[in-house]
N, C-alpha and C. Protein backbone atom coordinates (compact mmCIF):
# COMPACT_ATOMS: atom_id res chain seq x y z
N MET A 1 26.00 -28.30 63.87
CA MET A 1 26.33 -28.60 62.83
C MET A 1 26.18 -28.45 61.47
N ILE A 2 26.70 -27.55 60.41
CA ILE A 2 26.38 -27.42 59.64
C ILE A 2 26.65 -28.95 58.37
N LYS A 3 25.54 -29.28 57.56
CA LYS A 3 26.07 -30.53 56.70
C LYS A 3 26.24 -29.92 55.66
N GLN A 4 27.28 -30.52 54.86
CA GLN A 4 27.42 -30.18 53.39
C GLN A 4 27.35 -31.32 52.61
N GLN A 5 26.70 -31.23 51.52
CA GLN A 5 26.40 -32.08 50.27
C GLN A 5 26.37 -31.67 49.00
N ILE A 6 27.36 -32.42 47.93
CA ILE A 6 27.20 -32.36 46.63
C ILE A 6 25.80 -32.71 45.78
N GLY A 7 25.38 -31.50 45.06
CA GLY A 7 23.93 -32.12 44.76
C GLY A 7 23.66 -30.94 43.54
N LEU A 8 22.42 -31.64 43.27
CA LEU A 8 21.89 -30.73 41.77
C LEU A 8 21.33 -29.14 42.06
N LEU A 9 21.98 -28.36 41.84
CA LEU A 9 21.62 -27.24 41.21
C LEU A 9 20.88 -27.09 40.01
N ILE A 10 19.74 -26.20 40.43
CA ILE A 10 18.63 -26.43 39.19
C ILE A 10 18.45 -24.57 38.92
N ARG A 11 18.28 -24.39 37.76
CA ARG A 11 18.04 -23.01 36.90
C ARG A 11 16.84 -23.09 36.79
N GLU A 12 15.94 -22.76 37.93
CA GLU A 12 14.55 -23.15 37.49
C GLU A 12 13.82 -21.76 35.88
N ASP A 13 14.70 -21.01 35.78
CA ASP A 13 14.31 -19.97 34.63
C ASP A 13 14.55 -20.35 33.42
N LEU A 14 15.63 -21.35 33.43
CA LEU A 14 16.00 -22.28 32.30
C LEU A 14 15.49 -23.33 31.95
N CYS A 15 14.81 -24.16 33.02
CA CYS A 15 14.46 -25.23 32.89
C CYS A 15 12.83 -25.38 32.10
N VAL A 16 12.30 -26.33 31.03
CA VAL A 16 11.59 -26.23 30.23
C VAL A 16 10.39 -27.06 30.30
N GLY A 17 10.85 -28.08 31.37
CA GLY A 17 10.40 -29.38 31.88
C GLY A 17 10.05 -30.60 30.44
N CYS A 18 11.62 -31.13 29.77
CA CYS A 18 11.56 -31.77 28.64
C CYS A 18 11.68 -33.28 29.14
N LEU A 19 11.97 -33.58 30.02
CA LEU A 19 12.03 -34.90 30.66
C LEU A 19 13.24 -35.53 30.47
N ALA A 20 14.40 -34.82 29.88
CA ALA A 20 15.44 -35.56 29.56
C ALA A 20 16.62 -36.12 30.98
N CYS A 21 16.19 -35.19 31.70
CA CYS A 21 16.97 -35.52 32.98
C CYS A 21 16.25 -36.43 33.43
N SER A 22 15.04 -36.86 33.81
CA SER A 22 14.32 -37.63 34.76
C SER A 22 14.61 -38.91 33.69
N ARG A 23 14.53 -38.97 32.54
CA ARG A 23 14.74 -40.13 31.90
C ARG A 23 16.31 -40.86 31.84
N ILE A 24 17.12 -40.14 32.32
CA ILE A 24 18.64 -40.85 32.23
C ILE A 24 18.98 -40.74 33.74
N CYS A 25 18.24 -40.40 34.95
CA CYS A 25 18.70 -40.40 36.06
C CYS A 25 18.62 -42.10 36.58
N PRO A 26 19.94 -42.81 37.00
CA PRO A 26 20.17 -43.93 37.59
C PRO A 26 19.45 -43.92 38.58
N GLU A 27 19.03 -42.83 39.59
CA GLU A 27 18.77 -42.78 40.88
C GLU A 27 17.34 -42.72 41.11
N ALA A 28 16.56 -42.74 39.67
CA ALA A 28 15.19 -42.06 39.60
C ALA A 28 14.78 -40.55 40.95
N ALA A 29 15.66 -40.17 40.72
CA ALA A 29 16.12 -39.01 41.86
C ALA A 29 14.86 -38.09 41.35
N ILE A 30 14.61 -37.76 39.83
CA ILE A 30 13.64 -36.67 39.31
C ILE A 30 12.65 -37.13 38.69
N VAL A 31 11.38 -37.12 39.05
CA VAL A 31 10.27 -37.63 38.83
C VAL A 31 9.27 -36.92 38.32
N VAL A 32 8.91 -37.21 36.77
CA VAL A 32 7.99 -36.24 36.43
C VAL A 32 6.44 -36.58 36.33
N THR A 33 5.80 -36.07 36.73
CA THR A 33 4.17 -36.70 36.73
C THR A 33 3.31 -35.56 35.66
N ASP A 34 2.37 -36.21 34.78
CA ASP A 34 1.73 -35.26 34.11
C ASP A 34 0.03 -35.92 34.52
N ARG A 35 -0.45 -34.37 34.81
CA ARG A 35 -1.92 -34.56 35.42
C ARG A 35 -2.42 -33.30 34.59
N ALA A 36 -3.76 -33.67 33.87
CA ALA A 36 -4.87 -33.22 33.40
C ALA A 36 -3.87 -31.48 32.38
N ASP A 37 -3.90 -30.57 33.14
CA ASP A 37 -3.06 -29.69 31.96
C ASP A 37 -2.10 -29.16 32.47
N ARG A 38 -1.11 -29.84 33.50
CA ARG A 38 -0.12 -29.47 34.49
C ARG A 38 1.46 -30.90 34.54
N ARG A 39 2.46 -30.28 34.43
CA ARG A 39 3.59 -31.14 34.45
C ARG A 39 4.17 -31.05 35.43
N GLU A 40 4.53 -31.81 36.95
CA GLU A 40 5.45 -31.86 37.76
C GLU A 40 6.62 -32.38 37.58
N VAL A 41 7.70 -31.60 38.10
CA VAL A 41 8.72 -31.99 37.94
C VAL A 41 9.21 -32.08 39.20
N ARG A 42 9.74 -33.15 40.20
CA ARG A 42 10.13 -33.36 41.44
C ARG A 42 11.61 -33.44 41.72
N PHE A 43 12.30 -32.73 41.99
CA PHE A 43 13.96 -33.07 42.18
C PHE A 43 14.18 -33.37 43.67
N GLN A 44 14.11 -34.70 43.73
CA GLN A 44 14.76 -35.48 45.04
C GLN A 44 15.68 -34.95 46.03
N ARG A 45 15.78 -35.34 47.06
CA ARG A 45 16.99 -35.07 48.02
C ARG A 45 17.82 -36.05 47.72
N GLY A 46 17.78 -37.26 47.07
CA GLY A 46 18.48 -38.13 47.28
C GLY A 46 19.44 -38.40 45.93
N CYS A 47 19.45 -37.07 45.63
CA CYS A 47 20.82 -37.46 44.26
C CYS A 47 21.85 -37.36 45.00
N ARG A 48 22.74 -38.30 44.11
CA ARG A 48 24.00 -38.69 45.03
C ARG A 48 25.09 -37.44 43.60
N GLY A 49 24.95 -36.58 43.74
CA GLY A 49 25.54 -35.96 42.67
C GLY A 49 27.01 -35.93 42.18
N ARG A 50 27.96 -36.46 43.28
CA ARG A 50 29.14 -36.99 43.19
C ARG A 50 29.76 -37.89 42.26
N ASP A 51 28.48 -38.80 42.35
CA ASP A 51 28.79 -40.37 41.54
C ASP A 51 28.31 -39.89 40.14
N CYS A 52 27.48 -39.13 39.94
CA CYS A 52 27.19 -38.97 38.72
C CYS A 52 26.31 -37.43 37.90
N ASP A 53 26.43 -37.22 36.52
CA ASP A 53 26.27 -36.05 36.23
C ASP A 53 25.81 -36.08 35.22
N ARG A 54 25.05 -37.32 34.89
CA ARG A 54 24.42 -37.97 33.53
C ARG A 54 23.35 -36.30 33.41
N CYS A 55 22.26 -36.06 34.30
CA CYS A 55 21.27 -35.05 33.62
C CYS A 55 21.92 -33.61 33.59
N VAL A 56 22.94 -33.52 33.92
CA VAL A 56 23.30 -32.15 33.99
C VAL A 56 24.25 -32.33 32.10
N ALA A 57 24.69 -33.28 31.79
CA ALA A 57 25.00 -33.54 30.34
C ALA A 57 23.88 -33.61 29.52
N VAL A 58 22.82 -34.05 29.66
CA VAL A 58 21.74 -34.21 28.59
C VAL A 58 20.98 -33.42 28.74
N CYS A 59 21.14 -32.27 29.73
CA CYS A 59 19.80 -31.09 30.06
C CYS A 59 20.07 -29.83 28.65
N PRO A 60 19.63 -29.90 27.66
CA PRO A 60 19.42 -29.34 26.68
C PRO A 60 19.53 -27.76 26.42
N GLU A 61 18.78 -27.24 28.00
CA GLU A 61 18.83 -26.10 28.06
C GLU A 61 19.95 -25.48 29.16
N LYS A 62 20.78 -26.35 29.58
CA LYS A 62 21.99 -25.94 30.62
C LYS A 62 21.41 -25.57 31.53
N ALA A 63 20.19 -26.43 32.23
CA ALA A 63 19.37 -25.70 33.58
C ALA A 63 20.18 -26.32 34.71
N LEU A 64 20.81 -27.50 34.43
CA LEU A 64 21.39 -28.21 35.40
C LEU A 64 23.02 -28.03 36.11
N ALA A 65 23.24 -28.05 36.97
CA ALA A 65 24.68 -28.00 37.26
C ALA A 65 24.72 -28.85 38.76
N LEU A 66 26.00 -29.41 38.90
CA LEU A 66 26.59 -29.87 40.12
C LEU A 66 27.17 -28.77 41.05
N GLY A 67 26.95 -28.89 42.50
CA GLY A 67 27.80 -28.00 43.08
C GLY A 67 27.52 -28.17 44.91
N THR A 68 27.58 -27.63 45.17
CA THR A 68 27.86 -27.55 47.05
C THR A 68 26.46 -26.97 47.49
N ALA A 69 25.75 -27.65 48.60
CA ALA A 69 24.95 -26.78 49.23
C ALA A 69 25.42 -27.16 50.75
N GLU A 70 25.50 -25.99 51.42
CA GLU A 70 25.23 -26.23 52.66
C GLU A 70 24.48 -25.51 53.47
N GLY A 71 24.30 -26.12 54.75
CA GLY A 71 23.04 -25.53 55.70
C GLY A 71 22.98 -26.87 56.70
N PRO A 72 22.14 -26.04 57.83
CA PRO A 72 21.53 -27.03 58.73
C PRO A 72 20.48 -28.03 58.57
N GLU A 73 20.06 -28.12 57.38
CA GLU A 73 19.03 -29.55 56.96
C GLU A 73 19.40 -29.07 55.37
N LEU A 74 19.15 -30.33 54.93
CA LEU A 74 19.03 -30.45 53.13
C LEU A 74 17.85 -29.82 52.83
N GLU A 75 17.64 -29.14 51.87
CA GLU A 75 16.70 -28.68 51.49
C GLU A 75 15.86 -29.42 51.00
N PRO A 76 14.50 -29.28 50.72
CA PRO A 76 13.43 -30.25 50.89
C PRO A 76 13.31 -30.60 49.40
N PRO A 77 12.70 -31.34 48.48
CA PRO A 77 12.57 -31.69 47.14
C PRO A 77 12.19 -30.31 46.33
N LEU A 78 12.62 -29.94 45.16
CA LEU A 78 12.34 -28.86 44.41
C LEU A 78 11.46 -29.50 43.57
N ILE A 79 10.29 -28.66 43.71
CA ILE A 79 8.95 -28.91 42.66
C ILE A 79 8.85 -27.83 41.54
N MET A 80 8.64 -28.08 40.55
CA MET A 80 8.19 -27.22 39.46
C MET A 80 7.41 -28.02 39.02
N GLU A 81 6.09 -26.98 38.52
CA GLU A 81 5.04 -27.02 37.48
C GLU A 81 5.25 -26.60 36.10
N PHE A 82 4.71 -26.76 35.25
CA PHE A 82 4.67 -26.71 34.16
C PHE A 82 3.49 -26.52 33.31
N GLU A 83 2.83 -25.61 32.74
CA GLU A 83 1.38 -25.61 32.01
C GLU A 83 1.98 -26.54 30.66
N LEU A 84 0.69 -27.66 30.43
CA LEU A 84 0.93 -28.17 29.18
C LEU A 84 -0.01 -27.95 28.10
N ASN A 85 0.80 -27.75 26.87
CA ASN A 85 -0.08 -27.38 25.84
C ASN A 85 -0.67 -29.02 25.01
N ARG A 86 -1.59 -28.71 24.65
CA ARG A 86 -2.83 -29.48 24.41
C ARG A 86 -2.58 -29.68 22.43
N CYS A 87 -2.93 -30.62 21.79
CA CYS A 87 -2.92 -30.74 20.41
C CYS A 87 -3.91 -30.31 20.13
N ARG A 88 -3.77 -29.04 19.07
CA ARG A 88 -5.15 -28.28 18.63
C ARG A 88 -5.74 -29.41 17.67
N SER A 89 -5.71 -30.68 17.13
CA SER A 89 -6.04 -31.30 16.31
C SER A 89 -6.95 -32.75 17.59
N CYS A 90 -6.32 -33.19 18.31
CA CYS A 90 -7.21 -34.20 19.05
C CYS A 90 -6.95 -33.79 20.56
N THR A 91 -6.84 -32.59 20.67
CA THR A 91 -6.88 -32.15 22.46
C THR A 91 -5.96 -32.97 23.39
N ARG A 92 -5.02 -33.96 23.18
CA ARG A 92 -4.31 -34.15 24.04
C ARG A 92 -3.19 -33.75 24.81
N PRO A 93 -2.79 -33.73 26.01
CA PRO A 93 -1.40 -32.92 25.98
C PRO A 93 -0.19 -33.64 25.30
N VAL A 94 0.27 -32.71 25.06
CA VAL A 94 1.73 -33.12 24.12
C VAL A 94 3.31 -32.69 24.98
N THR A 95 3.15 -31.19 25.16
CA THR A 95 4.53 -30.87 25.92
C THR A 95 4.34 -29.77 26.43
N THR A 96 5.23 -29.19 27.34
CA THR A 96 4.91 -28.06 27.84
C THR A 96 5.12 -26.85 26.80
N LYS A 97 4.32 -26.09 27.70
CA LYS A 97 3.83 -24.40 26.49
C LYS A 97 5.51 -23.80 26.53
N LYS A 98 6.41 -23.84 27.64
CA LYS A 98 7.53 -23.43 27.53
C LYS A 98 8.46 -24.08 26.57
N ILE A 99 8.34 -25.45 26.55
CA ILE A 99 9.07 -25.89 25.32
C ILE A 99 8.51 -25.43 23.43
N VAL A 100 7.43 -25.29 23.38
CA VAL A 100 6.94 -24.62 22.37
C VAL A 100 7.70 -23.62 21.95
N ALA A 101 6.98 -22.34 23.20
CA ALA A 101 7.86 -21.40 23.01
C ALA A 101 9.55 -21.28 22.34
N ARG A 102 10.49 -22.10 23.33
CA ARG A 102 11.30 -22.08 23.31
C ARG A 102 11.66 -22.58 21.39
N LEU A 103 10.90 -23.53 21.16
CA LEU A 103 10.87 -24.10 19.76
C LEU A 103 10.59 -23.07 18.78
N LEU A 104 9.72 -22.16 19.25
CA LEU A 104 9.36 -21.08 17.85
C LEU A 104 10.55 -19.94 18.49
N GLU A 105 11.02 -19.55 19.21
CA GLU A 105 12.31 -18.76 18.74
C GLU A 105 13.53 -19.24 18.17
N ARG A 106 13.50 -21.12 17.89
CA ARG A 106 15.09 -21.30 17.66
C ARG A 106 14.46 -21.67 16.02
N THR A 107 13.12 -21.62 15.74
CA THR A 107 12.81 -22.22 14.37
C THR A 107 12.95 -20.99 13.17
N PRO A 108 14.18 -21.40 12.73
CA PRO A 108 14.28 -20.25 11.30
C PRO A 108 13.01 -20.02 10.48
N PRO A 109 12.67 -18.68 9.82
CA PRO A 109 11.35 -18.22 9.72
C PRO A 109 11.38 -19.42 7.89
N GLN A 110 12.29 -19.23 7.48
CA GLN A 110 12.08 -19.85 6.11
C GLN A 110 12.40 -21.68 6.18
N PHE A 111 12.26 -22.47 7.45
CA PHE A 111 11.83 -23.54 7.78
C PHE A 111 10.83 -23.81 7.20
N ASP A 112 10.58 -24.90 6.17
CA ASP A 112 9.32 -25.06 5.83
C ASP A 112 8.68 -26.34 6.23
N LEU A 113 7.88 -26.46 7.06
CA LEU A 113 7.09 -27.31 7.55
C LEU A 113 5.85 -27.44 6.80
N GLY A 114 5.20 -27.03 5.93
CA GLY A 114 4.36 -27.16 5.10
C GLY A 114 3.26 -26.57 5.64
N MET A 115 3.42 -25.98 7.08
CA MET A 115 2.20 -24.84 7.60
C MET A 115 3.00 -23.99 8.45
N PRO A 116 2.48 -22.95 8.81
CA PRO A 116 2.97 -22.42 9.79
C PRO A 116 4.01 -22.99 11.30
N ALA A 117 5.15 -22.89 11.61
CA ALA A 117 5.50 -23.36 12.45
C ALA A 117 4.66 -23.52 13.81
N ARG A 118 4.10 -22.47 14.35
CA ARG A 118 3.40 -22.20 15.32
C ARG A 118 2.42 -23.37 15.32
N ASP A 119 1.43 -23.61 14.01
CA ASP A 119 0.28 -24.68 13.71
C ASP A 119 0.97 -25.94 13.88
N TRP A 120 2.17 -26.45 13.45
CA TRP A 120 2.97 -27.82 13.21
C TRP A 120 3.47 -27.92 14.60
N LEU A 121 4.03 -27.30 15.41
CA LEU A 121 4.35 -27.34 16.66
C LEU A 121 3.00 -27.69 17.51
N GLY A 122 1.98 -27.28 17.28
CA GLY A 122 0.91 -26.90 18.30
C GLY A 122 0.09 -28.88 17.91
N LEU A 123 0.54 -29.50 16.92
CA LEU A 123 -0.03 -30.57 16.92
C LEU A 123 0.93 -31.94 17.71
N CYS A 124 0.22 -32.71 18.14
CA CYS A 124 0.79 -34.04 18.58
C CYS A 124 1.97 -34.45 17.75
N PRO A 125 2.43 -35.65 18.01
CA PRO A 125 3.11 -36.36 16.91
C PRO A 125 2.16 -37.58 15.84
N ALA A 126 1.26 -37.94 16.49
CA ALA A 126 0.31 -38.93 15.54
C ALA A 126 -0.45 -37.84 14.73
N CYS A 127 -0.78 -36.62 14.91
CA CYS A 127 -1.68 -35.45 14.58
C CYS A 127 -0.44 -35.04 13.59
N ARG A 128 0.60 -34.72 13.68
CA ARG A 128 1.40 -34.55 12.76
C ARG A 128 1.74 -35.47 11.64
N ARG A 129 1.68 -37.03 11.78
CA ARG A 129 1.86 -37.61 10.90
C ARG A 129 0.53 -38.02 9.87
N ARG A 130 -0.47 -37.47 10.47
CA ARG A 130 -1.81 -37.71 9.75
C ARG A 130 -1.76 -36.33 8.61
N GLN A 131 -1.38 -35.52 9.06
CA GLN A 131 -1.60 -34.08 8.26
C GLN A 131 -0.22 -34.31 7.42
N GLU A 132 0.84 -34.99 7.83
CA GLU A 132 2.05 -34.86 6.63
C GLU A 132 1.29 -35.95 5.77
N SER A 133 0.79 -36.97 6.05
CA SER A 133 0.39 -38.03 4.87
C SER A 133 -0.86 -37.66 4.18
N ARG A 134 -1.79 -36.50 4.53
CA ARG A 134 -2.49 -36.06 3.90
C ARG A 134 -2.22 -34.98 2.37
N ALA A 135 -1.25 -34.17 3.15
CA ALA A 135 -0.44 -33.45 2.27
C ALA A 135 0.25 -34.29 1.28
N LEU A 136 0.87 -35.51 1.42
CA LEU A 136 1.51 -35.90 0.54
C LEU A 136 0.28 -36.96 -0.29
N VAL A 137 -0.70 -37.14 -0.12
CA VAL A 137 -1.43 -37.74 -0.68
C VAL A 137 -2.17 -37.00 -1.70
N GLN A 138 -2.49 -35.81 -0.95
CA GLN A 138 -2.81 -34.43 -1.98
C GLN A 138 -2.10 -34.18 -2.92
N GLY A 139 -0.86 -34.09 -2.69
CA GLY A 139 -0.01 -33.57 -3.62
C GLY A 139 0.20 -34.51 -5.00
N ALA A 140 -0.15 -36.07 -4.34
CA ALA A 140 0.50 -36.91 -5.16
C ALA A 140 -1.13 -37.12 -6.47
N ARG A 141 -2.06 -36.93 -5.71
CA ARG A 141 -3.20 -36.73 -6.69
C ARG A 141 -3.12 -35.37 -7.58
N ARG A 142 -2.61 -34.29 -6.79
CA ARG A 142 -2.71 -33.28 -7.85
C ARG A 142 -1.59 -33.56 -9.22
N ASP A 143 -0.62 -34.41 -8.72
CA ASP A 143 0.62 -34.56 -9.90
C ASP A 143 0.00 -35.45 -10.64
N LEU A 144 -1.22 -36.51 -10.18
CA LEU A 144 -1.46 -37.54 -11.36
C LEU A 144 -2.20 -37.21 -12.25
N PHE A 145 -3.21 -36.12 -11.64
CA PHE A 145 -4.35 -35.35 -12.68
C PHE A 145 -4.22 -34.14 -13.17
N LEU A 146 -3.04 -33.39 -13.11
CA LEU A 146 -2.39 -32.18 -13.70
C LEU A 146 -1.63 -32.70 -15.11
N PRO A 147 -2.06 -32.32 -15.94
CA PRO A 147 -1.30 -32.37 -17.23
C PRO A 147 0.06 -32.14 -17.31
N GLN A 148 0.78 -32.76 -17.84
CA GLN A 148 2.14 -33.01 -17.69
C GLN A 148 2.64 -31.98 -18.51
N ARG A 149 3.56 -31.46 -18.24
CA ARG A 149 4.24 -30.05 -18.93
C ARG A 149 6.07 -30.68 -19.83
N THR A 150 5.76 -30.29 -20.83
CA THR A 150 7.01 -30.43 -21.70
C THR A 150 8.01 -29.55 -21.11
N ALA A 151 8.95 -29.51 -21.99
CA ALA A 151 10.06 -28.55 -21.71
C ALA A 151 9.85 -27.58 -22.02
N GLN A 152 8.99 -27.31 -23.24
CA GLN A 152 8.44 -25.84 -23.57
C GLN A 152 7.11 -25.19 -22.73
N GLY A 153 6.77 -25.94 -21.49
CA GLY A 153 5.88 -25.43 -20.71
C GLY A 153 4.17 -25.76 -21.51
N HIS A 154 4.18 -26.45 -22.57
CA HIS A 154 2.83 -26.94 -22.92
C HIS A 154 2.49 -28.28 -22.41
N GLY A 155 1.28 -28.28 -22.06
CA GLY A 155 0.34 -29.77 -21.71
C GLY A 155 0.64 -30.48 -23.07
N ASP A 156 0.98 -31.75 -22.44
CA ASP A 156 1.30 -32.95 -23.19
C ASP A 156 -0.24 -33.16 -23.50
N LYS A 157 -0.59 -33.26 -24.99
CA LYS A 157 -1.89 -33.64 -25.90
C LYS A 157 -2.20 -34.61 -26.31
N SER A 158 -1.08 -35.78 -25.85
CA SER A 158 -1.43 -37.51 -26.44
C SER A 158 -2.46 -37.89 -25.51
């Protein structure tokens, strides 16, 4: 007998391991585990696709769709692995290398991050905040100690 099930179809070439689907799944059918330098995304068999399409709607890469699978047995869970990118400052795992590559593709060259986009994306959120705070403090100090310019461009001599 052939079983038919409406379920989740995954485009492995498009998935970047961003966690959006796992965070919104009410059935906990998408499980993410970070280990050392790898992220494992496990798409379980238990997806009840006909009742829910939240993961499909939230996927920023359009890597998920609902469809019908046919076969003598339901497919085992799909497990995908992603290499994690480490913060270049504190070395904590930040996100997948595939996400960083996708962001670099989409970041316009004129986007001013105060540093090259590759460097900024290589930092975890905590280190980004520290870097931005340092830049603000350095800018404020520079503004405080440089002579103020008048409309004519001369330093204030008072």
